[in-house]
Amino acid sequence: MRLVLLGPPGAGKGTQAAIISARYNIPHLSTGDMLRSEIRAQTTLGRSIEQILSNGGLVNDEIMIDVVAARLSSPDTAAGFVLDGFPRTLGQALALERILAGQSLDAVIELTVNEDEIIRRIVSRSIASRAAGQPSRSDDNPETARRRLAAYFDETAPLSDYYAEKSLLARVDGLAPVDTVSGSIAASIEGLR
């Protein structure tokens, strides 16, 4: 099963991707995790990514496509995957089709959440990290969140129409309780298969 999760930052994609991964026994491929790994390693690419993200931007298509293509070539993705954070642009969606080399996606799930709730979630995530004695993510603050949301709505939201035209898209209310969201996702996946 090959799935993509769409939704703005803070919509709950990571939480739901982990549930999907366990339910369908497929790897959760978080581009955010892939990028944060590069940042932690302080590679040249990682330092460049860190600067882009801390300014509220999105990493360019070329870098993301290379990172994702490398990950999708791993043996553990042969039976499927759930992509969290990719594609974010139409160019990335077209590249994903090339990377999949004739295999198609089974479903694209879009988590819908209003902007005020996203800001509240991101700020809460930062507070919880600090309370647990962990560093908060550099992009977990209201100003950066607003810039990331603006970038999302400009660049990523058009993918909804693209995947809807391919009859792959299901929209799920991301504001519902976690179990309700995961149940809606499972029903949507089954309905699109």
N, C-alpha and C. Protein backbone atom coordinates (compact mmCIF):
# COMPACT_ATOMS: atom_id res chain seq x y z
N MET A 1 0.84 -1.17 0.00
CA MET A 1 0.00 0.00 0.00
C MET A 1 0.89 1.24 0.00
N ARG A 2 0.64 2.12 -0.96
CA ARG A 2 1.42 3.35 -1.10
C ARG A 2 0.49 4.54 -0.83
N LEU A 3 0.78 5.26 0.26
CA LEU A 3 -0.09 6.34 0.71
C LEU A 3 0.68 7.64 0.87
N VAL A 4 -0.02 8.75 0.71
CA VAL A 4 0.51 10.08 0.97
C VAL A 4 -0.44 10.77 1.94
N LEU A 5 0.13 11.44 2.95
CA LEU A 5 -0.65 12.28 3.86
C LEU A 5 -0.37 13.73 3.53
N LEU A 6 -1.41 14.50 3.29
CA LEU A 6 -1.29 15.94 3.08
C LEU A 6 -1.92 16.66 4.26
N GLY A 7 -1.45 17.85 4.50
CA GLY A 7 -2.02 18.69 5.54
C GLY A 7 -0.99 19.70 5.98
N PRO A 8 -1.45 20.81 6.51
CA PRO A 8 -0.52 21.85 6.94
C PRO A 8 0.31 21.40 8.14
N PRO A 9 1.40 22.10 8.43
CA PRO A 9 2.20 21.79 9.62
C PRO A 9 1.30 21.81 10.85
N GLY A 10 1.44 20.82 11.71
CA GLY A 10 0.66 20.76 12.93
C GLY A 10 -0.71 20.10 12.78
N ALA A 11 -1.01 19.55 11.60
CA ALA A 11 -2.32 18.95 11.36
C ALA A 11 -2.44 17.55 11.95
N GLY A 12 -1.33 16.97 12.37
CA GLY A 12 -1.38 15.62 12.94
C GLY A 12 -0.92 14.54 11.98
N LYS A 13 -0.22 14.93 10.92
CA LYS A 13 0.23 13.94 9.94
C LYS A 13 1.15 12.90 10.57
N GLY A 14 2.07 13.33 11.41
CA GLY A 14 3.01 12.39 12.03
C GLY A 14 2.30 11.38 12.92
N THR A 15 1.36 11.85 13.71
CA THR A 15 0.59 10.97 14.59
C THR A 15 -0.18 9.95 13.77
N GLN A 16 -0.87 10.41 12.74
CA GLN A 16 -1.67 9.51 11.93
C GLN A 16 -0.81 8.58 11.08
N ALA A 17 0.33 9.07 10.59
CA ALA A 17 1.22 8.22 9.80
C ALA A 17 1.74 7.06 10.64
N ALA A 18 2.04 7.32 11.92
CA ALA A 18 2.50 6.24 12.81
C ALA A 18 1.41 5.19 12.99
N ILE A 19 0.17 5.61 13.12
CA ILE A 19 -0.96 4.68 13.26
C ILE A 19 -1.14 3.87 11.98
N ILE A 20 -1.08 4.54 10.84
CA ILE A 20 -1.22 3.86 9.54
C ILE A 20 -0.09 2.86 9.36
N SER A 21 1.12 3.28 9.71
CA SER A 21 2.29 2.40 9.59
C SER A 21 2.10 1.11 10.36
N ALA A 22 1.62 1.23 11.58
CA ALA A 22 1.39 0.04 12.42
C ALA A 22 0.24 -0.80 11.88
N ARG A 23 -0.84 -0.14 11.46
CA ARG A 23 -2.03 -0.86 10.99
C ARG A 23 -1.75 -1.66 9.72
N TYR A 24 -1.00 -1.08 8.78
CA TYR A 24 -0.77 -1.73 7.49
C TYR A 24 0.63 -2.33 7.36
N ASN A 25 1.43 -2.25 8.43
CA ASN A 25 2.79 -2.79 8.44
C ASN A 25 3.63 -2.26 7.27
N ILE A 26 3.61 -0.94 7.14
CA ILE A 26 4.41 -0.26 6.12
C ILE A 26 5.20 0.84 6.81
N PRO A 27 6.38 1.20 6.26
CA PRO A 27 7.18 2.23 6.92
C PRO A 27 6.56 3.62 6.82
N HIS A 28 6.72 4.38 7.90
CA HIS A 28 6.32 5.79 7.95
C HIS A 28 7.52 6.59 7.48
N LEU A 29 7.39 7.25 6.36
CA LEU A 29 8.48 8.04 5.79
C LEU A 29 8.18 9.51 6.00
N SER A 30 8.75 10.07 7.04
CA SER A 30 8.55 11.46 7.36
C SER A 30 9.69 12.28 6.77
N THR A 31 9.34 13.16 5.83
CA THR A 31 10.40 14.00 5.27
C THR A 31 10.94 14.93 6.34
N GLY A 32 10.09 15.32 7.29
CA GLY A 32 10.57 16.14 8.40
C GLY A 32 11.65 15.42 9.18
N ASP A 33 11.43 14.13 9.47
CA ASP A 33 12.45 13.35 10.17
C ASP A 33 13.72 13.22 9.35
N MET A 34 13.54 12.99 8.04
CA MET A 34 14.71 12.88 7.16
C MET A 34 15.52 14.17 7.18
N LEU A 35 14.82 15.30 7.11
CA LEU A 35 15.50 16.60 7.11
C LEU A 35 16.14 16.89 8.46
N ARG A 36 15.42 16.59 9.56
CA ARG A 36 15.99 16.83 10.90
C ARG A 36 17.22 15.96 11.13
N SER A 37 17.25 14.76 10.55
CA SER A 37 18.41 13.89 10.66
C SER A 37 19.62 14.56 10.00
N GLU A 38 19.40 15.17 8.84
CA GLU A 38 20.48 15.90 8.16
C GLU A 38 20.95 17.08 9.01
N ILE A 39 20.00 17.78 9.63
CA ILE A 39 20.35 18.92 10.48
C ILE A 39 21.17 18.47 11.67
N ARG A 40 20.72 17.38 12.34
CA ARG A 40 21.46 16.87 13.51
C ARG A 40 22.88 16.46 13.13
N ALA A 41 23.03 15.91 11.94
CA ALA A 41 24.35 15.48 11.48
C ALA A 41 25.23 16.67 11.10
N GLN A 42 24.62 17.86 10.99
CA GLN A 42 25.31 19.10 10.63
C GLN A 42 26.13 18.96 9.34
N THR A 43 25.53 18.23 8.38
CA THR A 43 26.12 18.16 7.05
C THR A 43 25.93 19.52 6.39
N THR A 44 26.61 19.73 5.29
CA THR A 44 26.42 20.97 4.54
C THR A 44 24.95 21.10 4.15
N LEU A 45 24.38 20.00 3.68
CA LEU A 45 22.97 20.01 3.33
C LEU A 45 22.12 20.30 4.56
N GLY A 46 22.46 19.70 5.68
CA GLY A 46 21.72 19.89 6.92
C GLY A 46 21.74 21.33 7.40
N ARG A 47 22.89 22.00 7.30
CA ARG A 47 22.96 23.40 7.71
C ARG A 47 22.12 24.29 6.79
N SER A 48 22.11 23.97 5.51
CA SER A 48 21.30 24.71 4.56
C SER A 48 19.81 24.51 4.86
N ILE A 49 19.43 23.28 5.13
CA ILE A 49 18.04 22.97 5.46
C ILE A 49 17.62 23.69 6.74
N GLU A 50 18.49 23.69 7.74
CA GLU A 50 18.19 24.34 9.01
C GLU A 50 17.88 25.82 8.82
N GLN A 51 18.68 26.48 8.01
CA GLN A 51 18.46 27.91 7.77
C GLN A 51 17.13 28.14 7.06
N ILE A 52 16.81 27.31 6.07
CA ILE A 52 15.55 27.45 5.34
C ILE A 52 14.37 27.28 6.29
N LEU A 53 14.39 26.20 7.10
CA LEU A 53 13.27 25.90 7.99
C LEU A 53 13.12 26.92 9.10
N SER A 54 14.23 27.38 9.66
CA SER A 54 14.13 28.35 10.76
C SER A 54 13.59 29.69 10.29
N ASN A 55 13.69 29.96 8.99
CA ASN A 55 13.12 31.18 8.43
C ASN A 55 11.69 30.98 7.95
N GLY A 56 11.14 29.77 8.19
CA GLY A 56 9.76 29.50 7.83
C GLY A 56 9.55 29.09 6.39
N GLY A 57 10.63 28.79 5.67
CA GLY A 57 10.51 28.39 4.28
C GLY A 57 10.34 26.89 4.11
N LEU A 58 10.16 26.49 2.89
CA LEU A 58 10.10 25.07 2.54
C LEU A 58 11.36 24.72 1.75
N VAL A 59 11.87 23.54 2.00
CA VAL A 59 13.06 23.07 1.29
C VAL A 59 12.70 22.92 -0.18
N ASN A 60 13.63 23.29 -1.08
CA ASN A 60 13.31 23.28 -2.51
C ASN A 60 13.08 21.86 -3.04
N ASP A 61 12.40 21.82 -4.17
CA ASP A 61 12.02 20.54 -4.76
C ASP A 61 13.22 19.63 -5.03
N GLU A 62 14.27 20.18 -5.58
CA GLU A 62 15.43 19.35 -5.95
C GLU A 62 15.97 18.58 -4.75
N ILE A 63 16.15 19.26 -3.62
CA ILE A 63 16.67 18.60 -2.42
C ILE A 63 15.68 17.55 -1.94
N MET A 64 14.41 17.91 -1.86
CA MET A 64 13.41 16.97 -1.35
C MET A 64 13.28 15.75 -2.23
N ILE A 65 13.27 15.94 -3.53
CA ILE A 65 13.13 14.82 -4.46
C ILE A 65 14.30 13.85 -4.29
N ASP A 66 15.51 14.38 -4.17
CA ASP A 66 16.68 13.51 -3.97
C ASP A 66 16.59 12.73 -2.67
N VAL A 67 16.19 13.42 -1.58
CA VAL A 67 16.08 12.77 -0.27
C VAL A 67 15.04 11.66 -0.32
N VAL A 68 13.88 11.94 -0.90
CA VAL A 68 12.79 10.96 -0.96
C VAL A 68 13.12 9.81 -1.91
N ALA A 69 13.70 10.11 -3.06
CA ALA A 69 14.05 9.05 -4.01
C ALA A 69 15.01 8.06 -3.38
N ALA A 70 15.99 8.58 -2.65
CA ALA A 70 16.94 7.69 -1.97
C ALA A 70 16.23 6.81 -0.96
N ARG A 71 15.31 7.39 -0.20
CA ARG A 71 14.60 6.61 0.83
C ARG A 71 13.67 5.57 0.22
N LEU A 72 13.00 5.93 -0.89
CA LEU A 72 12.08 5.00 -1.53
C LEU A 72 12.80 3.85 -2.24
N SER A 73 14.10 3.97 -2.40
CA SER A 73 14.87 2.87 -3.01
C SER A 73 15.26 1.82 -1.97
N SER A 74 14.96 2.07 -0.70
CA SER A 74 15.27 1.11 0.36
C SER A 74 14.35 -0.11 0.25
N PRO A 75 14.88 -1.29 0.56
CA PRO A 75 14.08 -2.53 0.45
C PRO A 75 12.81 -2.53 1.29
N ASP A 76 12.82 -1.83 2.44
CA ASP A 76 11.64 -1.88 3.31
C ASP A 76 10.42 -1.17 2.73
N THR A 77 10.58 -0.47 1.61
CA THR A 77 9.43 0.22 1.00
C THR A 77 8.80 -0.59 -0.14
N ALA A 78 9.34 -1.77 -0.41
CA ALA A 78 8.84 -2.58 -1.54
C ALA A 78 7.36 -2.91 -1.39
N ALA A 79 6.90 -3.18 -0.18
CA ALA A 79 5.49 -3.54 0.04
C ALA A 79 4.61 -2.32 0.26
N GLY A 80 5.21 -1.14 0.30
CA GLY A 80 4.44 0.09 0.47
C GLY A 80 5.06 1.02 1.49
N PHE A 81 4.36 2.13 1.72
CA PHE A 81 4.86 3.18 2.61
C PHE A 81 3.74 4.18 2.85
N VAL A 82 3.93 5.00 3.86
CA VAL A 82 3.09 6.17 4.06
C VAL A 82 4.02 7.37 4.09
N LEU A 83 3.87 8.25 3.12
CA LEU A 83 4.70 9.45 3.01
C LEU A 83 4.04 10.60 3.78
N ASP A 84 4.81 11.20 4.65
CA ASP A 84 4.36 12.29 5.51
C ASP A 84 5.22 13.51 5.21
N GLY A 85 4.67 14.49 4.47
CA GLY A 85 5.42 15.70 4.17
C GLY A 85 5.94 15.76 2.74
N PHE A 86 5.57 14.82 1.94
CA PHE A 86 5.98 14.79 0.52
C PHE A 86 4.90 14.07 -0.25
N PRO A 87 4.48 14.60 -1.37
CA PRO A 87 4.93 15.82 -2.04
C PRO A 87 4.30 17.07 -1.43
N ARG A 88 4.97 18.19 -1.65
CA ARG A 88 4.46 19.48 -1.19
C ARG A 88 4.17 20.43 -2.34
N THR A 89 4.63 20.08 -3.52
CA THR A 89 4.39 20.92 -4.69
C THR A 89 3.99 20.01 -5.85
N LEU A 90 3.41 20.60 -6.88
CA LEU A 90 3.05 19.82 -8.06
C LEU A 90 4.29 19.19 -8.68
N GLY A 91 5.40 19.93 -8.70
CA GLY A 91 6.65 19.38 -9.23
C GLY A 91 7.08 18.13 -8.46
N GLN A 92 6.93 18.16 -7.15
CA GLN A 92 7.27 16.99 -6.35
C GLN A 92 6.30 15.83 -6.63
N ALA A 93 5.03 16.15 -6.83
CA ALA A 93 4.05 15.10 -7.13
C ALA A 93 4.39 14.41 -8.45
N LEU A 94 4.78 15.19 -9.44
CA LEU A 94 5.17 14.61 -10.73
C LEU A 94 6.46 13.79 -10.58
N ALA A 95 7.38 14.29 -9.77
CA ALA A 95 8.63 13.54 -9.52
C ALA A 95 8.33 12.23 -8.80
N LEU A 96 7.39 12.24 -7.86
CA LEU A 96 7.02 11.02 -7.15
C LEU A 96 6.49 9.98 -8.14
N GLU A 97 5.71 10.40 -9.10
CA GLU A 97 5.22 9.47 -10.12
C GLU A 97 6.39 8.85 -10.89
N ARG A 98 7.41 9.65 -11.21
CA ARG A 98 8.58 9.12 -11.91
C ARG A 98 9.36 8.16 -11.00
N ILE A 99 9.51 8.54 -9.73
CA ILE A 99 10.23 7.69 -8.77
C ILE A 99 9.54 6.33 -8.62
N LEU A 100 8.22 6.34 -8.62
CA LEU A 100 7.47 5.09 -8.45
C LEU A 100 7.49 4.22 -9.70
N ALA A 101 7.97 4.76 -10.80
CA ALA A 101 8.21 4.00 -12.03
C ALA A 101 7.07 3.06 -12.40
N GLY A 102 5.91 3.63 -12.64
CA GLY A 102 4.79 2.83 -13.09
C GLY A 102 3.87 2.34 -11.99
N GLN A 103 4.33 2.32 -10.75
CA GLN A 103 3.44 1.97 -9.65
C GLN A 103 2.66 3.23 -9.29
N SER A 104 1.43 3.06 -8.87
CA SER A 104 0.65 4.24 -8.52
C SER A 104 0.39 4.28 -7.02
N LEU A 105 0.02 5.44 -6.57
CA LEU A 105 -0.40 5.59 -5.18
C LEU A 105 -1.75 4.91 -5.01
N ASP A 106 -2.00 4.41 -3.79
CA ASP A 106 -3.30 3.83 -3.49
C ASP A 106 -4.27 4.88 -2.98
N ALA A 107 -3.75 5.86 -2.24
CA ALA A 107 -4.61 6.91 -1.68
C ALA A 107 -3.78 8.09 -1.23
N VAL A 108 -4.43 9.25 -1.23
CA VAL A 108 -3.88 10.48 -0.68
C VAL A 108 -4.90 10.99 0.33
N ILE A 109 -4.48 11.10 1.58
CA ILE A 109 -5.36 11.54 2.65
C ILE A 109 -4.96 12.96 3.05
N GLU A 110 -5.91 13.87 3.01
CA GLU A 110 -5.65 15.25 3.42
C GLU A 110 -6.32 15.51 4.77
N LEU A 111 -5.50 15.89 5.75
CA LEU A 111 -6.02 16.27 7.06
C LEU A 111 -6.32 17.75 7.04
N THR A 112 -7.56 18.09 7.30
CA THR A 112 -7.97 19.50 7.27
C THR A 112 -8.07 20.02 8.70
N VAL A 113 -7.47 21.16 8.95
CA VAL A 113 -7.45 21.80 10.27
C VAL A 113 -7.42 23.31 10.03
N ASN A 114 -8.13 24.08 10.87
CA ASN A 114 -8.12 25.53 10.66
C ASN A 114 -6.81 26.14 11.20
N GLU A 115 -6.49 27.32 10.69
CA GLU A 115 -5.22 27.97 10.99
C GLU A 115 -5.02 28.27 12.47
N ASP A 116 -6.04 28.75 13.16
CA ASP A 116 -5.90 29.06 14.59
C ASP A 116 -5.55 27.81 15.39
N GLU A 117 -6.18 26.68 15.05
CA GLU A 117 -5.90 25.43 15.75
C GLU A 117 -4.48 24.95 15.47
N ILE A 118 -4.01 25.15 14.26
CA ILE A 118 -2.64 24.75 13.92
C ILE A 118 -1.64 25.54 14.76
N ILE A 119 -1.83 26.84 14.86
CA ILE A 119 -0.92 27.68 15.67
C ILE A 119 -0.96 27.21 17.12
N ARG A 120 -2.15 26.95 17.65
CA ARG A 120 -2.28 26.47 19.03
C ARG A 120 -1.55 25.15 19.22
N ARG A 121 -1.69 24.23 18.26
CA ARG A 121 -1.02 22.93 18.36
C ARG A 121 0.50 23.07 18.33
N ILE A 122 0.99 23.91 17.46
CA ILE A 122 2.44 24.08 17.32
C ILE A 122 3.02 24.69 18.59
N VAL A 123 2.36 25.70 19.14
CA VAL A 123 2.83 26.32 20.39
C VAL A 123 2.76 25.30 21.53
N SER A 124 1.69 24.52 21.59
CA SER A 124 1.56 23.49 22.63
C SER A 124 2.66 22.44 22.52
N ARG A 125 2.99 22.05 21.28
CA ARG A 125 4.05 21.07 21.06
C ARG A 125 5.38 21.60 21.59
N SER A 126 5.65 22.87 21.36
CA SER A 126 6.88 23.49 21.85
C SER A 126 6.91 23.53 23.37
N ILE A 127 5.80 23.92 23.99
CA ILE A 127 5.72 23.99 25.46
C ILE A 127 5.91 22.60 26.05
N ALA A 128 5.27 21.58 25.46
CA ALA A 128 5.39 20.21 25.96
C ALA A 128 6.83 19.71 25.86
N SER A 129 7.50 20.02 24.78
CA SER A 129 8.90 19.60 24.61
C SER A 129 9.78 20.20 25.69
N ARG A 130 9.61 21.52 25.92
CA ARG A 130 10.42 22.19 26.95
C ARG A 130 10.10 21.66 28.33
N ALA A 131 8.83 21.39 28.62
CA ALA A 131 8.42 20.87 29.93
C ALA A 131 9.02 19.48 30.18
N ALA A 132 9.23 18.73 29.09
CA ALA A 132 9.80 17.39 29.21
C ALA A 132 11.33 17.44 29.23
N GLY A 133 11.88 18.66 29.22
CA GLY A 133 13.34 18.81 29.24
C GLY A 133 13.99 18.55 27.90
N GLN A 134 13.19 18.56 26.84
CA GLN A 134 13.71 18.34 25.49
C GLN A 134 13.72 19.67 24.75
N PRO A 135 14.65 19.81 23.82
CA PRO A 135 14.64 21.05 23.04
C PRO A 135 13.43 21.08 22.12
N SER A 136 12.85 22.26 21.96
CA SER A 136 11.73 22.36 21.02
C SER A 136 12.31 22.55 19.63
N ARG A 137 11.51 22.19 18.64
CA ARG A 137 11.95 22.35 17.26
C ARG A 137 12.15 23.83 16.96
N SER A 138 13.14 24.14 16.14
CA SER A 138 13.44 25.55 15.84
C SER A 138 12.29 26.24 15.13
N ASP A 139 11.42 25.47 14.48
CA ASP A 139 10.32 26.07 13.74
C ASP A 139 9.00 26.06 14.52
N ASP A 140 9.06 25.70 15.82
CA ASP A 140 7.85 25.66 16.65
C ASP A 140 7.63 26.97 17.41
N ASN A 141 7.32 28.01 16.66
CA ASN A 141 6.94 29.28 17.28
C ASN A 141 5.88 29.92 16.38
N PRO A 142 5.05 30.80 16.94
CA PRO A 142 3.92 31.33 16.16
C PRO A 142 4.31 32.05 14.87
N GLU A 143 5.38 32.85 14.90
CA GLU A 143 5.76 33.61 13.70
C GLU A 143 6.19 32.67 12.58
N THR A 144 7.05 31.70 12.92
CA THR A 144 7.51 30.76 11.91
C THR A 144 6.36 29.90 11.44
N ALA A 145 5.48 29.53 12.36
CA ALA A 145 4.32 28.71 11.99
C ALA A 145 3.45 29.45 10.97
N ARG A 146 3.24 30.74 11.18
CA ARG A 146 2.42 31.50 10.23
C ARG A 146 3.07 31.57 8.86
N ARG A 147 4.40 31.72 8.82
CA ARG A 147 5.11 31.73 7.53
C ARG A 147 5.01 30.36 6.86
N ARG A 148 5.16 29.29 7.65
CA ARG A 148 5.05 27.95 7.10
C ARG A 148 3.64 27.68 6.57
N LEU A 149 2.63 28.18 7.28
CA LEU A 149 1.25 28.00 6.81
C LEU A 149 1.02 28.74 5.50
N ALA A 150 1.54 29.97 5.41
CA ALA A 150 1.39 30.73 4.17
C ALA A 150 2.05 29.99 3.02
N ALA A 151 3.25 29.46 3.26
CA ALA A 151 3.95 28.69 2.23
C ALA A 151 3.15 27.44 1.87
N TYR A 152 2.57 26.79 2.87
CA TYR A 152 1.78 25.59 2.62
C TYR A 152 0.59 25.92 1.72
N PHE A 153 -0.17 26.95 2.08
CA PHE A 153 -1.36 27.26 1.31
C PHE A 153 -1.03 27.73 -0.10
N ASP A 154 0.12 28.39 -0.28
CA ASP A 154 0.54 28.81 -1.62
C ASP A 154 1.00 27.63 -2.47
N GLU A 155 1.84 26.76 -1.88
CA GLU A 155 2.52 25.74 -2.67
C GLU A 155 1.90 24.35 -2.59
N THR A 156 1.34 23.98 -1.45
CA THR A 156 0.91 22.60 -1.25
C THR A 156 -0.58 22.39 -1.43
N ALA A 157 -1.37 23.33 -1.00
CA ALA A 157 -2.82 23.16 -1.09
C ALA A 157 -3.30 22.82 -2.51
N PRO A 158 -2.68 23.33 -3.59
CA PRO A 158 -3.13 22.95 -4.94
C PRO A 158 -3.03 21.44 -5.23
N LEU A 159 -2.27 20.72 -4.45
CA LEU A 159 -2.19 19.27 -4.66
C LEU A 159 -3.53 18.59 -4.40
N SER A 160 -4.36 19.19 -3.56
CA SER A 160 -5.69 18.62 -3.30
C SER A 160 -6.44 18.44 -4.62
N ASP A 161 -6.47 19.49 -5.43
CA ASP A 161 -7.16 19.40 -6.71
C ASP A 161 -6.51 18.37 -7.63
N TYR A 162 -5.20 18.35 -7.65
CA TYR A 162 -4.45 17.42 -8.51
C TYR A 162 -4.84 15.97 -8.17
N TYR A 163 -4.80 15.63 -6.88
CA TYR A 163 -5.11 14.26 -6.49
C TYR A 163 -6.60 13.97 -6.55
N ALA A 164 -7.45 14.98 -6.36
CA ALA A 164 -8.90 14.78 -6.49
C ALA A 164 -9.24 14.41 -7.93
N GLU A 165 -8.58 15.08 -8.89
CA GLU A 165 -8.81 14.78 -10.30
C GLU A 165 -8.41 13.35 -10.65
N LYS A 166 -7.47 12.78 -9.90
CA LYS A 166 -7.02 11.40 -10.11
C LYS A 166 -7.84 10.40 -9.28
N SER A 167 -8.87 10.90 -8.60
CA SER A 167 -9.73 10.08 -7.74
C SER A 167 -8.94 9.35 -6.65
N LEU A 168 -7.91 10.01 -6.13
CA LEU A 168 -7.09 9.43 -5.07
C LEU A 168 -7.30 10.13 -3.73
N LEU A 169 -7.93 11.30 -3.72
CA LEU A 169 -7.98 12.14 -2.53
C LEU A 169 -9.18 11.86 -1.63
N ALA A 170 -8.89 11.79 -0.34
CA ALA A 170 -9.94 11.74 0.68
C ALA A 170 -9.59 12.80 1.72
N ARG A 171 -10.54 13.63 2.08
CA ARG A 171 -10.33 14.66 3.11
C ARG A 171 -10.89 14.16 4.43
N VAL A 172 -10.10 14.38 5.50
CA VAL A 172 -10.49 13.93 6.84
C VAL A 172 -10.33 15.12 7.78
N ASP A 173 -11.30 15.31 8.65
CA ASP A 173 -11.25 16.38 9.63
C ASP A 173 -10.18 16.09 10.66
N GLY A 174 -9.09 16.83 10.62
CA GLY A 174 -7.97 16.63 11.53
C GLY A 174 -8.23 17.16 12.93
N LEU A 175 -9.35 17.85 13.15
CA LEU A 175 -9.67 18.38 14.48
C LEU A 175 -10.37 17.37 15.37
N ALA A 176 -10.83 16.27 14.79
CA ALA A 176 -11.51 15.24 15.56
C ALA A 176 -10.50 14.54 16.48
N PRO A 177 -10.98 13.80 17.50
CA PRO A 177 -10.07 13.04 18.35
C PRO A 177 -9.22 12.08 17.51
N VAL A 178 -8.01 11.77 17.98
CA VAL A 178 -7.05 10.95 17.24
C VAL A 178 -7.68 9.65 16.74
N ASP A 179 -8.40 8.93 17.61
CA ASP A 179 -9.01 7.66 17.22
C ASP A 179 -10.06 7.85 16.13
N THR A 180 -10.81 8.93 16.21
CA THR A 180 -11.81 9.21 15.19
C THR A 180 -11.15 9.51 13.86
N VAL A 181 -10.07 10.30 13.89
CA VAL A 181 -9.33 10.61 12.66
C VAL A 181 -8.78 9.33 12.05
N SER A 182 -8.15 8.49 12.87
CA SER A 182 -7.55 7.26 12.32
C SER A 182 -8.63 6.33 11.76
N GLY A 183 -9.79 6.27 12.41
CA GLY A 183 -10.89 5.47 11.87
C GLY A 183 -11.39 6.02 10.55
N SER A 184 -11.49 7.33 10.44
CA SER A 184 -11.91 7.96 9.19
C SER A 184 -10.90 7.72 8.08
N ILE A 185 -9.62 7.76 8.44
CA ILE A 185 -8.57 7.48 7.45
C ILE A 185 -8.68 6.04 6.95
N ALA A 186 -8.83 5.09 7.87
CA ALA A 186 -8.94 3.67 7.48
C ALA A 186 -10.14 3.48 6.55
N ALA A 187 -11.28 4.09 6.88
CA ALA A 187 -12.46 3.96 6.04
C ALA A 187 -12.21 4.60 4.67
N SER A 188 -11.51 5.73 4.66
CA SER A 188 -11.21 6.41 3.38
C SER A 188 -10.30 5.57 2.52
N ILE A 189 -9.29 4.97 3.13
CA ILE A 189 -8.35 4.12 2.39
C ILE A 189 -9.11 2.96 1.75
N GLU A 190 -9.94 2.32 2.53
CA GLU A 190 -10.71 1.19 2.00
C GLU A 190 -11.66 1.64 0.89
N GLY A 191 -12.22 2.84 1.04
CA GLY A 191 -13.13 3.36 0.03
C GLY A 191 -12.45 3.73 -1.28
N LEU A 192 -11.19 4.09 -1.22
CA LEU A 192 -10.45 4.49 -2.43
C LEU A 192 -9.75 3.32 -3.11
N ARG A 193 -9.64 2.21 -2.42
CA ARG A 193 -8.89 1.07 -2.99
C ARG A 193 -9.68 0.35 -4.04
